[in-house]
Amino acid sequence: MIRNIIRFILILGVVCAVMGGGVAVLYAVFRGDLARREDTAREEALLAACPAGATLDAASPVAGAPFAADAVYAARDASGRAIAYVAGGEASGYSSVVRLVVGVQAADRAIVRVVVVSQAETPGLGANVAEQKSNFTLWEKLFGPSQAGKTEQSLNPFLDQFRGKTVDRLGEVHAMTAATITSNAAKAAVEQAVARIQKVVDQTK
């Protein structure tokens, strides 16, 4: 009996070692691809947080290293003037760290847009912080808009509340139903991002 238990433990140990080694090898092989995907996703989020028509050079932040957590970027118009700033923020939610980027107008510090980069909150509840919904009905998706001039847009009822608000008005942003912890994490991350932008703007005055 004891011999069988020892044999089972040894076999289990070998299986675990082989599986762990296999995962380590796969990670080593695909580590570069994973890092590039993360950078691409972050760059797309940075661009999405910019005002319409603005450009952003993700490789040249005005503060911090490219794609670093504390990096701040300038969104520029066609003449090269900084019309907005974009920075990241993060805070602990219910079951994960909520990471997002925030675009802020240079003129009045009003939030342009908040874009979630990553989260692993509860599906159907906190995960709604990153859920994008179309303003088109299924019928409109299949056969075109019901009204002339109507264009399809991606909406997020929670994140869209941040648009046009300054940091002192974040109290007006209502939490998602049954996801108060995630909502508060998103607000804290927005405050962190805006504070990073404000610090850079103050230093350049």
C-alpha atoms as a PDB file:
ATOM      1  CA  MET A   1       0.000   0.000   0.000  1.00  0.00           C
ATOM      2  CA  ILE A   2       2.720   2.498   0.972  1.00  0.00           C
ATOM      3  CA  ARG A   3       4.699   1.483  -2.120  1.00  0.00           C
ATOM      4  CA  ASN A   4       1.678   2.308  -4.319  1.00  0.00           C
ATOM      5  CA  ILE A   5       1.240   5.695  -2.646  1.00  0.00           C
ATOM      6  CA  ILE A   6       4.931   6.531  -3.170  1.00  0.00           C
ATOM      7  CA  ARG A   7       4.714   5.409  -6.812  1.00  0.00           C
ATOM      8  CA  PHE A   8       1.605   7.606  -7.311  1.00  0.00           C
ATOM      9  CA  ILE A   9       3.323  10.632  -5.742  1.00  0.00           C
ATOM     10  CA  LEU A  10       6.422  10.120  -7.930  1.00  0.00           C
ATOM     11  CA  ILE A  11       4.336   9.796 -11.109  1.00  0.00           C
ATOM     12  CA  LEU A  12       2.319  12.873 -10.161  1.00  0.00           C
ATOM     13  CA  GLY A  13       5.545  14.782  -9.480  1.00  0.00           C
ATOM     14  CA  VAL A  14       6.988  13.822 -12.882  1.00  0.00           C
ATOM     15  CA  VAL A  15       3.753  14.819 -14.655  1.00  0.00           C
ATOM     16  CA  CYS A  16       3.708  18.186 -12.860  1.00  0.00           C
ATOM     17  CA  ALA A  17       7.380  18.804 -13.692  1.00  0.00           C
ATOM     18  CA  VAL A  18       6.828  17.963 -17.369  1.00  0.00           C
ATOM     19  CA  MET A  19       3.718  20.145 -17.588  1.00  0.00           C
ATOM     20  CA  GLY A  20       5.423  23.031 -15.792  1.00  0.00           C
ATOM     21  CA  GLY A  21       8.442  22.725 -18.044  1.00  0.00           C
ATOM     22  CA  GLY A  22       6.205  22.676 -21.110  1.00  0.00           C
ATOM     23  CA  VAL A  23       4.437  25.859 -20.009  1.00  0.00           C
ATOM     24  CA  ALA A  24       7.798  27.539 -19.334  1.00  0.00           C
ATOM     25  CA  VAL A  25       9.086  26.584 -22.789  1.00  0.00           C
ATOM     26  CA  LEU A  26       5.905  27.844 -24.482  1.00  0.00           C
ATOM     27  CA  TYR A  27       6.113  31.123 -22.584  1.00  0.00           C
ATOM     28  CA  ALA A  28       9.762  31.552 -23.558  1.00  0.00           C
ATOM     29  CA  VAL A  29       8.926  30.897 -27.217  1.00  0.00           C
ATOM     30  CA  PHE A  30       5.921  33.237 -27.360  1.00  0.00           C
ATOM     31  CA  ARG A  31       7.030  35.874 -24.833  1.00  0.00           C
ATOM     32  CA  GLY A  32       7.985  38.354 -27.565  1.00  0.00           C
ATOM     33  CA  ASP A  33       4.663  37.885 -29.387  1.00  0.00           C
ATOM     34  CA  LEU A  34       2.712  38.325 -26.146  1.00  0.00           C
ATOM     35  CA  ALA A  35       4.593  41.534 -25.326  1.00  0.00           C
ATOM     36  CA  ARG A  36       3.956  42.891 -28.838  1.00  0.00           C
ATOM     37  CA  ARG A  37       0.250  42.092 -28.545  1.00  0.00           C
ATOM     38  CA  GLU A  38       0.055  43.882 -25.209  1.00  0.00           C
ATOM     39  CA  ASP A  39       1.840  46.924 -26.663  1.00  0.00           C
ATOM     40  CA  THR A  40      -0.474  46.903 -29.688  1.00  0.00           C
ATOM     41  CA  ALA A  41      -3.573  46.703 -27.486  1.00  0.00           C
ATOM     42  CA  ARG A  42      -2.284  49.532 -25.311  1.00  0.00           C
ATOM     43  CA  GLU A  43      -1.450  51.682 -28.347  1.00  0.00           C
ATOM     44  CA  GLU A  44      -4.954  51.132 -29.753  1.00  0.00           C
ATOM     45  CA  ALA A  45      -6.419  52.167 -26.390  1.00  0.00           C
ATOM     46  CA  LEU A  46      -4.224  55.288 -26.295  1.00  0.00           C
ATOM     47  CA  LEU A  47      -5.381  56.312 -29.772  1.00  0.00           C
ATOM     48  CA  ALA A  48      -9.023  55.594 -28.901  1.00  0.00           C
ATOM     49  CA  ALA A  49      -8.765  57.974 -25.926  1.00  0.00           C
ATOM     50  CA  CYS A  50      -7.623  60.864 -28.162  1.00  0.00           C
ATOM     51  CA  PRO A  51      -9.937  63.534 -29.594  1.00  0.00           C
ATOM     52  CA  ALA A  52     -11.182  62.875 -33.128  1.00  0.00           C
ATOM     53  CA  GLY A  53      -8.564  63.742 -35.731  1.00  0.00           C
ATOM     54  CA  ALA A  54      -5.677  63.914 -33.265  1.00  0.00           C
ATOM     55  CA  THR A  55      -2.521  61.845 -33.614  1.00  0.00           C
ATOM     56  CA  LEU A  56      -0.376  60.300 -30.911  1.00  0.00           C
ATOM     57  CA  ASP A  57       3.158  58.888 -31.069  1.00  0.00           C
ATOM     58  CA  ALA A  58       3.122  55.952 -28.653  1.00  0.00           C
ATOM     59  CA  ALA A  59       6.914  55.598 -28.942  1.00  0.00           C
ATOM     60  CA  SER A  60       7.506  59.162 -27.711  1.00  0.00           C
ATOM     61  CA  PRO A  61       5.658  59.998 -24.488  1.00  0.00           C
ATOM     62  CA  VAL A  62       6.148  63.456 -22.974  1.00  0.00           C
ATOM     63  CA  ALA A  63       6.849  61.774 -19.624  1.00  0.00           C
ATOM     64  CA  GLY A  64       7.941  58.265 -18.681  1.00  0.00           C
ATOM     65  CA  ALA A  65       9.070  55.411 -20.912  1.00  0.00           C
ATOM     66  CA  PRO A  66       6.940  54.141 -23.835  1.00  0.00           C
ATOM     67  CA  PHE A  67       4.103  51.896 -22.588  1.00  0.00           C
ATOM     68  CA  ALA A  68       5.229  52.309 -18.970  1.00  0.00           C
ATOM     69  CA  ALA A  69       2.474  52.532 -16.370  1.00  0.00           C
ATOM     70  CA  ASP A  70       3.307  56.170 -15.572  1.00  0.00           C
ATOM     71  CA  ALA A  71       3.806  57.355 -19.178  1.00  0.00           C
ATOM     72  CA  VAL A  72       1.960  60.463 -20.370  1.00  0.00           C
ATOM     73  CA  TYR A  73       1.385  61.143 -24.072  1.00  0.00           C
ATOM     74  CA  ALA A  74       0.473  64.261 -26.023  1.00  0.00           C
ATOM     75  CA  ALA A  75      -2.308  64.059 -28.607  1.00  0.00           C
ATOM     76  CA  ARG A  76      -1.577  66.601 -31.342  1.00  0.00           C
ATOM     77  CA  ASP A  77      -3.566  68.296 -34.084  1.00  0.00           C
ATOM     78  CA  ALA A  78      -2.409  68.661 -37.698  1.00  0.00           C
ATOM     79  CA  SER A  79      -0.168  71.622 -36.773  1.00  0.00           C
ATOM     80  CA  GLY A  80       1.609  69.613 -34.059  1.00  0.00           C
ATOM     81  CA  ARG A  81      -0.001  71.464 -31.157  1.00  0.00           C
ATOM     82  CA  ALA A  82      -0.858  69.381 -28.073  1.00  0.00           C
ATOM     83  CA  ILE A  83      -4.638  69.531 -27.776  1.00  0.00           C
ATOM     84  CA  ALA A  84      -5.000  66.701 -25.283  1.00  0.00           C
ATOM     85  CA  TYR A  85      -3.003  64.391 -23.048  1.00  0.00           C
ATOM     86  CA  VAL A  86      -3.423  60.661 -22.499  1.00  0.00           C
ATOM     87  CA  ALA A  87      -2.234  58.613 -19.529  1.00  0.00           C
ATOM     88  CA  GLY A  88      -2.944  55.298 -17.876  1.00  0.00           C
ATOM     89  CA  GLY A  89      -4.277  54.455 -14.447  1.00  0.00           C
ATOM     90  CA  GLU A  90      -5.022  51.286 -12.518  1.00  0.00           C
ATOM     91  CA  ALA A  91      -6.786  50.205  -9.351  1.00  0.00           C
ATOM     92  CA  SER A  92      -7.843  46.960  -7.712  1.00  0.00           C
ATOM     93  CA  GLY A  93     -11.393  45.915  -8.506  1.00  0.00           C
ATOM     94  CA  TYR A  94     -13.448  43.017  -7.187  1.00  0.00           C
ATOM     95  CA  SER A  95     -11.340  40.196  -8.647  1.00  0.00           C
ATOM     96  CA  SER A  96      -8.615  41.879 -10.705  1.00  0.00           C
ATOM     97  CA  VAL A  97      -6.693  45.050 -11.402  1.00  0.00           C
ATOM     98  CA  VAL A  98      -8.632  47.367 -13.712  1.00  0.00           C
ATOM     99  CA  ARG A  99      -6.234  49.094 -16.124  1.00  0.00           C
ATOM    100  CA  LEU A 100      -7.406  51.922 -18.346  1.00  0.00           C
ATOM    101  CA  VAL A 101      -6.248  54.987 -20.256  1.00  0.00           C
ATOM    102  CA  VAL A 102      -7.776  58.451 -20.087  1.00  0.00           C
ATOM    103  CA  GLY A 103      -7.716  61.266 -22.620  1.00  0.00           C
ATOM    104  CA  VAL A 104      -7.982  64.809 -21.218  1.00  0.00           C
ATOM    105  CA  GLN A 105      -8.430  68.068 -23.151  1.00  0.00           C
ATOM    106  CA  ALA A 106      -5.433  70.375 -22.778  1.00  0.00           C
ATOM    107  CA  ALA A 107      -7.599  73.513 -22.629  1.00  0.00           C
ATOM    108  CA  ASP A 108     -10.101  72.748 -19.875  1.00  0.00           C
ATOM    109  CA  ARG A 109      -8.982  69.355 -18.446  1.00  0.00           C
ATOM    110  CA  ALA A 110     -12.289  67.799 -19.485  1.00  0.00           C
ATOM    111  CA  ILE A 111     -12.157  64.049 -20.070  1.00  0.00           C
ATOM    112  CA  VAL A 112     -12.296  63.077 -23.743  1.00  0.00           C
ATOM    113  CA  ARG A 113     -12.720  59.350 -23.266  1.00  0.00           C
ATOM    114  CA  VAL A 114     -11.920  56.488 -20.899  1.00  0.00           C
ATOM    115  CA  VAL A 115     -10.814  53.189 -22.470  1.00  0.00           C
ATOM    116  CA  VAL A 116     -10.289  49.953 -20.527  1.00  0.00           C
ATOM    117  CA  VAL A 117      -7.028  48.196 -21.425  1.00  0.00           C
ATOM    118  CA  SER A 118      -7.427  45.080 -19.281  1.00  0.00           C
ATOM    119  CA  GLN A 119      -9.597  43.628 -16.522  1.00  0.00           C
ATOM    120  CA  ALA A 120     -10.756  40.237 -15.287  1.00  0.00           C
ATOM    121  CA  GLU A 121     -13.834  41.189 -13.313  1.00  0.00           C
ATOM    122  CA  THR A 122     -16.949  39.070 -12.856  1.00  0.00           C
ATOM    123  CA  PRO A 123     -18.607  38.321 -16.238  1.00  0.00           C
ATOM    124  CA  GLY A 124     -21.968  40.031 -16.593  1.00  0.00           C
ATOM    125  CA  LEU A 125     -21.275  42.359 -13.662  1.00  0.00           C
ATOM    126  CA  GLY A 126     -17.919  44.084 -13.200  1.00  0.00           C
ATOM    127  CA  ALA A 127     -16.746  42.955 -16.639  1.00  0.00           C
ATOM    128  CA  ASN A 128     -19.344  45.350 -18.080  1.00  0.00           C
ATOM    129  CA  VAL A 129     -16.789  48.085 -17.411  1.00  0.00           C
ATOM    130  CA  ALA A 130     -15.186  47.090 -20.731  1.00  0.00           C
ATOM    131  CA  GLU A 131     -18.322  45.965 -22.605  1.00  0.00           C
ATOM    132  CA  GLN A 132     -19.030  47.911 -25.790  1.00  0.00           C
ATOM    133  CA  LYS A 133     -22.549  47.855 -27.215  1.00  0.00           C
ATOM    134  CA  SER A 134     -23.723  49.047 -30.609  1.00  0.00           C
ATOM    135  CA  ASN A 135     -26.387  51.731 -30.927  1.00  0.00           C
ATOM    136  CA  PHE A 136     -27.769  49.745 -33.877  1.00  0.00           C
ATOM    137  CA  THR A 137     -30.504  47.164 -33.457  1.00  0.00           C
ATOM    138  CA  LEU A 138     -30.061  43.722 -35.024  1.00  0.00           C
ATOM    139  CA  TRP A 139     -32.384  44.827 -37.839  1.00  0.00           C
ATOM    140  CA  GLU A 140     -30.226  47.893 -38.520  1.00  0.00           C
ATOM    141  CA  LYS A 141     -27.084  45.763 -38.514  1.00  0.00           C
ATOM    142  CA  LEU A 142     -28.578  43.463 -41.131  1.00  0.00           C
ATOM    143  CA  PHE A 143     -30.412  45.952 -43.339  1.00  0.00           C
ATOM    144  CA  GLY A 144     -28.909  49.350 -42.590  1.00  0.00           C
ATOM    145  CA  PRO A 145     -29.888  52.291 -40.356  1.00  0.00           C
ATOM    146  CA  SER A 146     -33.550  53.107 -39.854  1.00  0.00           C
ATOM    147  CA  GLN A 147     -32.883  56.860 -40.041  1.00  0.00           C
ATOM    148  CA  ALA A 148     -30.969  58.747 -42.702  1.00  0.00           C
ATOM    149  CA  GLY A 149     -27.544  59.825 -41.490  1.00  0.00           C
ATOM    150  CA  LYS A 150     -27.502  57.517 -38.483  1.00  0.00           C
ATOM    151  CA  THR A 151     -24.062  55.981 -37.973  1.00  0.00           C
ATOM    152  CA  GLU A 152     -23.105  53.009 -35.848  1.00  0.00           C
ATOM    153  CA  GLN A 153     -21.341  53.809 -32.586  1.00  0.00           C
ATOM    154  CA  SER A 154     -19.954  51.714 -29.755  1.00  0.00           C
ATOM    155  CA  LEU A 155     -21.427  52.684 -26.415  1.00  0.00           C
ATOM    156  CA  ASN A 156     -20.602  51.879 -22.816  1.00  0.00           C
ATOM    157  CA  PRO A 157     -23.230  53.351 -20.466  1.00  0.00           C
ATOM    158  CA  PHE A 158     -20.768  53.477 -17.559  1.00  0.00           C
ATOM    159  CA  LEU A 159     -17.614  54.787 -19.247  1.00  0.00           C
ATOM    160  CA  ASP A 160     -19.526  57.271 -21.396  1.00  0.00           C
ATOM    161  CA  GLN A 161     -20.491  59.117 -18.196  1.00  0.00           C
ATOM    162  CA  PHE A 162     -16.892  60.336 -17.859  1.00  0.00           C
ATOM    163  CA  ARG A 163     -16.940  62.281 -21.128  1.00  0.00           C
ATOM    164  CA  GLY A 164     -16.792  66.043 -20.689  1.00  0.00           C
ATOM    165  CA  LYS A 165     -16.294  65.837 -16.927  1.00  0.00           C
ATOM    166  CA  THR A 166     -13.371  67.248 -14.990  1.00  0.00           C
ATOM    167  CA  VAL A 167     -11.882  65.242 -12.138  1.00  0.00           C
ATOM    168  CA  ASP A 168     -13.808  67.247  -9.512  1.00  0.00           C
ATOM    169  CA  ARG A 169     -17.090  66.051 -11.062  1.00  0.00           C
ATOM    170  CA  LEU A 170     -16.401  62.310 -10.925  1.00  0.00           C
ATOM    171  CA  GLY A 171     -18.909  62.057  -8.088  1.00  0.00           C
ATOM    172  CA  GLU A 172     -21.589  62.510 -10.755  1.00  0.00           C
ATOM    173  CA  VAL A 173     -20.588  59.195 -12.371  1.00  0.00           C
ATOM    174  CA  HIS A 174     -23.068  56.523 -11.290  1.00  0.00           C
ATOM    175  CA  ALA A 175     -21.799  53.038 -10.457  1.00  0.00           C
ATOM    176  CA  MET A 176     -22.740  50.014 -12.517  1.00  0.00           C
ATOM    177  CA  THR A 177     -25.580  47.965 -11.049  1.00  0.00           C
ATOM    178  CA  ALA A 178     -24.242  45.247  -8.700  1.00  0.00           C
ATOM    179  CA  ALA A 179     -20.646  46.250  -9.494  1.00  0.00           C
ATOM    180  CA  THR A 180     -19.854  49.089  -7.097  1.00  0.00           C
ATOM    181  CA  ILE A 181     -16.338  47.850  -6.320  1.00  0.00           C
ATOM    182  CA  THR A 182     -15.385  47.681  -9.994  1.00  0.00           C
ATOM    183  CA  SER A 183     -16.985  51.083 -10.611  1.00  0.00           C
ATOM    184  CA  ASN A 184     -15.016  52.637  -7.761  1.00  0.00           C
ATOM    185  CA  ALA A 185     -11.824  51.027  -9.082  1.00  0.00           C
ATOM    186  CA  ALA A 186     -12.441  52.597 -12.498  1.00  0.00           C
ATOM    187  CA  LYS A 187     -12.995  56.006 -10.888  1.00  0.00           C
ATOM    188  CA  ALA A 188      -9.804  55.659  -8.846  1.00  0.00           C
ATOM    189  CA  ALA A 189      -7.858  54.677 -11.963  1.00  0.00           C
ATOM    190  CA  VAL A 190      -9.254  57.704 -13.825  1.00  0.00           C
ATOM    191  CA  GLU A 191      -8.219  59.978 -10.950  1.00  0.00           C
ATOM    192  CA  GLN A 192      -4.720  58.467 -11.027  1.00  0.00           C
ATOM    193  CA  ALA A 193      -4.396  59.024 -14.787  1.00  0.00           C
ATOM    194  CA  VAL A 194      -5.636  62.621 -14.566  1.00  0.00           C
ATOM    195  CA  ALA A 195      -3.217  63.314 -11.704  1.00  0.00           C
ATOM    196  CA  ARG A 196      -0.326  62.074 -13.860  1.00  0.00           C
ATOM    197  CA  ILE A 197      -1.418  64.357 -16.683  1.00  0.00           C
ATOM    198  CA  GLN A 198      -1.825  67.332 -14.334  1.00  0.00           C
ATOM    199  CA  LYS A 199       1.684  66.808 -12.965  1.00  0.00           C
ATOM    200  CA  VAL A 200       3.170  66.900 -16.472  1.00  0.00           C
ATOM    201  CA  VAL A 201       1.143  69.969 -17.459  1.00  0.00           C
ATOM    202  CA  ASP A 202       2.200  71.800 -14.277  1.00  0.00           C
ATOM    203  CA  GLN A 203       5.861  71.024 -14.964  1.00  0.00           C
ATOM    204  CA  THR A 204       5.682  72.421 -18.509  1.00  0.00           C
ATOM    205  CA  LYS A 205       4.163  75.758 -17.444  1.00  0.00           C
END
